[in-house]
N, C-alpha and C. Protein backbone atom coordinates (compact mmCIF):
# COMPACT_ATOMS: atom_id res chain seq x y z
N MET A 1 0.83 -1.17 0.00
CA MET A 1 0.01 0.00 0.01
C MET A 1 0.87 1.25 -0.01
N ALA A 2 0.45 2.26 -0.74
CA ALA A 2 1.21 3.50 -0.79
C ALA A 2 1.00 4.34 0.45
N ARG A 3 2.05 4.98 0.85
CA ARG A 3 1.98 5.88 2.02
C ARG A 3 1.58 7.26 1.56
N SER A 4 0.88 7.94 2.41
CA SER A 4 0.44 9.31 2.11
C SER A 4 1.20 10.29 2.99
N ASN A 5 1.57 11.39 2.42
CA ASN A 5 2.24 12.46 3.18
C ASN A 5 1.28 13.59 3.52
N PHE A 6 -0.01 13.29 3.52
CA PHE A 6 -1.01 14.30 3.79
C PHE A 6 -0.91 14.77 5.25
N SER A 7 -0.97 16.07 5.41
CA SER A 7 -1.06 16.62 6.77
C SER A 7 -2.15 17.68 6.77
N PHE A 8 -2.81 17.84 7.86
CA PHE A 8 -3.91 18.78 7.99
C PHE A 8 -3.52 19.85 9.01
N ASP A 9 -3.57 21.09 8.56
CA ASP A 9 -3.24 22.22 9.44
C ASP A 9 -4.53 22.80 9.97
N GLU A 10 -4.92 22.37 11.15
CA GLU A 10 -6.17 22.79 11.74
C GLU A 10 -6.27 24.29 11.95
N ASN A 11 -5.16 24.93 12.37
CA ASN A 11 -5.17 26.37 12.58
C ASN A 11 -5.39 27.12 11.27
N ALA A 12 -4.74 26.66 10.21
CA ALA A 12 -4.93 27.30 8.89
C ALA A 12 -6.36 27.13 8.44
N PHE A 13 -6.94 25.95 8.67
CA PHE A 13 -8.32 25.70 8.31
C PHE A 13 -9.27 26.62 9.06
N LYS A 14 -9.06 26.77 10.36
CA LYS A 14 -9.91 27.64 11.20
C LYS A 14 -9.78 29.09 10.73
N LYS A 15 -8.59 29.52 10.43
CA LYS A 15 -8.37 30.89 9.99
C LYS A 15 -9.10 31.14 8.67
N ALA A 16 -9.00 30.21 7.73
CA ALA A 16 -9.69 30.35 6.46
C ALA A 16 -11.20 30.41 6.65
N ALA A 17 -11.71 29.55 7.53
CA ALA A 17 -13.15 29.55 7.81
C ALA A 17 -13.60 30.88 8.43
N GLN A 18 -12.83 31.38 9.37
CA GLN A 18 -13.15 32.66 10.03
C GLN A 18 -13.12 33.81 9.00
N GLN A 19 -12.16 33.77 8.09
CA GLN A 19 -12.10 34.82 7.06
C GLN A 19 -13.30 34.76 6.15
N GLY A 20 -13.74 33.52 5.82
CA GLY A 20 -14.94 33.36 4.98
C GLY A 20 -16.19 33.86 5.66
N VAL A 21 -16.34 33.59 6.94
CA VAL A 21 -17.47 34.06 7.71
C VAL A 21 -17.45 35.59 7.82
N ALA A 22 -16.30 36.16 8.05
CA ALA A 22 -16.18 37.62 8.14
C ALA A 22 -16.54 38.28 6.82
N LYS A 23 -16.11 37.68 5.73
CA LYS A 23 -16.44 38.22 4.40
C LYS A 23 -17.94 38.16 4.15
N MET A 24 -18.56 37.04 4.52
CA MET A 24 -20.00 36.91 4.34
C MET A 24 -20.76 37.94 5.18
N ALA A 25 -20.30 38.18 6.41
CA ALA A 25 -20.94 39.17 7.27
C ALA A 25 -20.84 40.57 6.66
N ARG A 26 -19.68 40.89 6.11
CA ARG A 26 -19.51 42.21 5.44
C ARG A 26 -20.44 42.33 4.22
N THR A 27 -20.52 41.27 3.43
CA THR A 27 -21.36 41.27 2.25
C THR A 27 -22.82 41.42 2.66
N LEU A 28 -23.26 40.69 3.66
CA LEU A 28 -24.64 40.80 4.12
C LEU A 28 -24.93 42.19 4.68
N THR A 29 -24.00 42.73 5.45
CA THR A 29 -24.20 44.09 5.99
C THR A 29 -24.41 45.09 4.88
N THR A 30 -23.55 45.03 3.86
CA THR A 30 -23.68 45.96 2.73
C THR A 30 -25.00 45.78 2.01
N ALA A 31 -25.36 44.51 1.74
CA ALA A 31 -26.59 44.23 1.00
C ALA A 31 -27.82 44.68 1.78
N LEU A 32 -27.86 44.41 3.08
CA LEU A 32 -29.01 44.81 3.89
C LEU A 32 -29.14 46.31 4.02
N ASN A 33 -28.01 46.98 4.21
CA ASN A 33 -28.05 48.43 4.28
C ASN A 33 -28.48 49.05 2.95
N GLY A 34 -28.24 48.33 1.88
CA GLY A 34 -28.69 48.80 0.56
C GLY A 34 -30.21 48.77 0.40
N LEU A 35 -30.90 48.05 1.25
CA LEU A 35 -32.35 47.99 1.21
C LEU A 35 -33.00 49.25 1.78
N LYS A 36 -32.26 49.99 2.55
CA LYS A 36 -32.80 51.14 3.28
C LYS A 36 -33.48 52.14 2.35
N THR A 37 -32.86 52.49 1.24
CA THR A 37 -33.44 53.51 0.36
C THR A 37 -34.79 53.08 -0.21
N GLN A 38 -34.95 51.79 -0.48
CA GLN A 38 -36.20 51.31 -1.07
C GLN A 38 -37.26 50.97 -0.03
N TYR A 39 -36.84 50.55 1.16
CA TYR A 39 -37.79 50.03 2.14
C TYR A 39 -38.01 50.90 3.39
N GLN A 40 -37.32 51.98 3.50
CA GLN A 40 -37.54 52.86 4.64
C GLN A 40 -38.98 53.35 4.62
N GLY A 41 -39.68 53.19 5.73
CA GLY A 41 -41.06 53.63 5.85
C GLY A 41 -42.10 52.64 5.35
N LYS A 42 -41.66 51.53 4.74
CA LYS A 42 -42.59 50.51 4.25
C LYS A 42 -43.10 49.66 5.41
N SER A 43 -44.11 48.84 5.11
CA SER A 43 -44.66 47.96 6.16
C SER A 43 -43.58 46.98 6.63
N ILE A 44 -43.67 46.59 7.89
CA ILE A 44 -42.67 45.66 8.45
C ILE A 44 -42.67 44.35 7.72
N ASP A 45 -43.85 43.87 7.31
CA ASP A 45 -43.90 42.59 6.57
C ASP A 45 -43.19 42.68 5.24
N GLU A 46 -43.33 43.79 4.55
CA GLU A 46 -42.66 43.99 3.26
C GLU A 46 -41.14 44.04 3.44
N VAL A 47 -40.72 44.73 4.49
CA VAL A 47 -39.27 44.83 4.77
C VAL A 47 -38.71 43.46 5.18
N LYS A 48 -39.45 42.74 5.99
CA LYS A 48 -39.00 41.39 6.42
C LYS A 48 -38.82 40.48 5.22
N LYS A 49 -39.73 40.52 4.26
CA LYS A 49 -39.61 39.69 3.06
C LYS A 49 -38.35 40.06 2.30
N ALA A 50 -38.06 41.37 2.16
CA ALA A 50 -36.87 41.79 1.46
C ALA A 50 -35.60 41.37 2.18
N VAL A 51 -35.62 41.46 3.52
CA VAL A 51 -34.46 41.04 4.30
C VAL A 51 -34.22 39.54 4.13
N GLN A 52 -35.30 38.74 4.23
CA GLN A 52 -35.15 37.27 4.09
C GLN A 52 -34.66 36.91 2.71
N THR A 53 -35.16 37.56 1.67
CA THR A 53 -34.73 37.29 0.31
C THR A 53 -33.25 37.64 0.14
N THR A 54 -32.85 38.77 0.65
CA THR A 54 -31.46 39.21 0.56
C THR A 54 -30.54 38.27 1.34
N TRP A 55 -30.96 37.88 2.53
CA TRP A 55 -30.19 36.96 3.37
C TRP A 55 -29.99 35.64 2.65
N SER A 56 -31.08 35.10 2.13
CA SER A 56 -31.01 33.82 1.44
C SER A 56 -30.09 33.89 0.20
N LYS A 57 -30.19 34.97 -0.54
CA LYS A 57 -29.35 35.17 -1.75
C LYS A 57 -27.87 35.17 -1.41
N HIS A 58 -27.52 35.83 -0.35
CA HIS A 58 -26.09 36.00 0.00
C HIS A 58 -25.53 34.89 0.91
N THR A 59 -26.41 33.96 1.30
CA THR A 59 -25.90 32.84 2.12
C THR A 59 -26.11 31.50 1.44
N GLY A 60 -26.43 31.53 0.16
CA GLY A 60 -26.64 30.30 -0.56
C GLY A 60 -27.88 29.54 -0.13
N GLY A 61 -28.92 30.29 0.25
CA GLY A 61 -30.19 29.68 0.65
C GLY A 61 -30.37 29.60 2.14
N GLY A 62 -29.50 30.21 2.91
CA GLY A 62 -29.62 30.19 4.34
C GLY A 62 -30.80 30.99 4.85
N SER A 63 -31.19 30.71 6.09
CA SER A 63 -32.29 31.44 6.70
C SER A 63 -31.83 32.19 7.92
N ILE A 64 -32.68 33.02 8.42
CA ILE A 64 -32.38 33.88 9.56
C ILE A 64 -33.48 33.66 10.60
N THR A 65 -33.15 33.73 11.89
CA THR A 65 -34.17 33.53 12.92
C THR A 65 -35.13 34.71 12.90
N ASP A 66 -36.37 34.47 13.33
CA ASP A 66 -37.35 35.54 13.34
C ASP A 66 -36.97 36.74 14.20
N PRO A 67 -36.40 36.56 15.38
CA PRO A 67 -35.99 37.74 16.15
C PRO A 67 -34.97 38.62 15.40
N GLU A 68 -33.99 37.94 14.78
CA GLU A 68 -32.97 38.70 14.01
C GLU A 68 -33.59 39.37 12.81
N LEU A 69 -34.45 38.63 12.11
CA LEU A 69 -35.14 39.15 10.92
C LEU A 69 -35.94 40.39 11.28
N THR A 70 -36.68 40.32 12.35
CA THR A 70 -37.51 41.44 12.80
C THR A 70 -36.63 42.62 13.19
N ALA A 71 -35.56 42.36 13.92
CA ALA A 71 -34.66 43.46 14.34
C ALA A 71 -34.05 44.17 13.14
N PHE A 72 -33.55 43.41 12.17
CA PHE A 72 -32.97 44.02 10.96
C PHE A 72 -34.05 44.80 10.20
N ALA A 73 -35.23 44.20 10.04
CA ALA A 73 -36.30 44.85 9.30
C ALA A 73 -36.72 46.16 9.95
N GLU A 74 -36.83 46.15 11.27
CA GLU A 74 -37.21 47.39 11.99
C GLU A 74 -36.17 48.49 11.80
N GLN A 75 -34.91 48.12 11.87
CA GLN A 75 -33.86 49.11 11.67
C GLN A 75 -33.94 49.71 10.27
N ILE A 76 -34.08 48.85 9.28
CA ILE A 76 -34.13 49.31 7.89
C ILE A 76 -35.40 50.17 7.68
N GLN A 77 -36.52 49.72 8.20
CA GLN A 77 -37.78 50.46 8.08
C GLN A 77 -37.64 51.89 8.64
N GLN A 78 -36.89 52.01 9.73
CA GLN A 78 -36.72 53.30 10.39
C GLN A 78 -35.56 54.12 9.80
N GLY A 79 -34.89 53.56 8.79
CA GLY A 79 -33.80 54.31 8.16
C GLY A 79 -32.48 54.14 8.88
N GLY A 80 -32.40 53.18 9.78
CA GLY A 80 -31.17 52.95 10.53
C GLY A 80 -30.21 52.04 9.78
N ARG A 81 -29.02 51.90 10.34
CA ARG A 81 -28.00 51.04 9.76
C ARG A 81 -27.95 49.74 10.52
N VAL A 82 -27.71 48.63 9.79
CA VAL A 82 -27.61 47.33 10.42
C VAL A 82 -26.17 46.82 10.25
N GLU A 83 -25.78 45.94 11.16
CA GLU A 83 -24.49 45.28 11.05
C GLU A 83 -24.68 43.81 11.36
N VAL A 84 -24.24 42.97 10.41
CA VAL A 84 -24.38 41.51 10.59
C VAL A 84 -23.11 41.00 11.24
N ARG A 85 -23.30 40.20 12.27
CA ARG A 85 -22.18 39.53 12.95
C ARG A 85 -22.47 38.04 12.97
N LEU A 86 -21.64 37.30 12.31
CA LEU A 86 -21.80 35.83 12.23
C LEU A 86 -20.73 35.16 13.05
N GLY A 87 -21.06 33.98 13.52
CA GLY A 87 -20.06 33.17 14.17
C GLY A 87 -20.07 33.35 15.61
């Protein structure tokens, strides 16, 4: 049987994963804040739908919990800024 020289660098893997999560959080933050101009002052249900659609688009189909969805939607509806923190 052939020997393998494969080695796994767990720290490098964790660092790469953390960088990916941070990039996704920045992308989501930008995308959600971009909704403000179109959805400020709209009904909360309309804003929530836009937030969920945007979240799903930028997470490859991922979902968001209702409390987070509502908090982001309320901020956007009121013209505020949101910041996504993942991980």
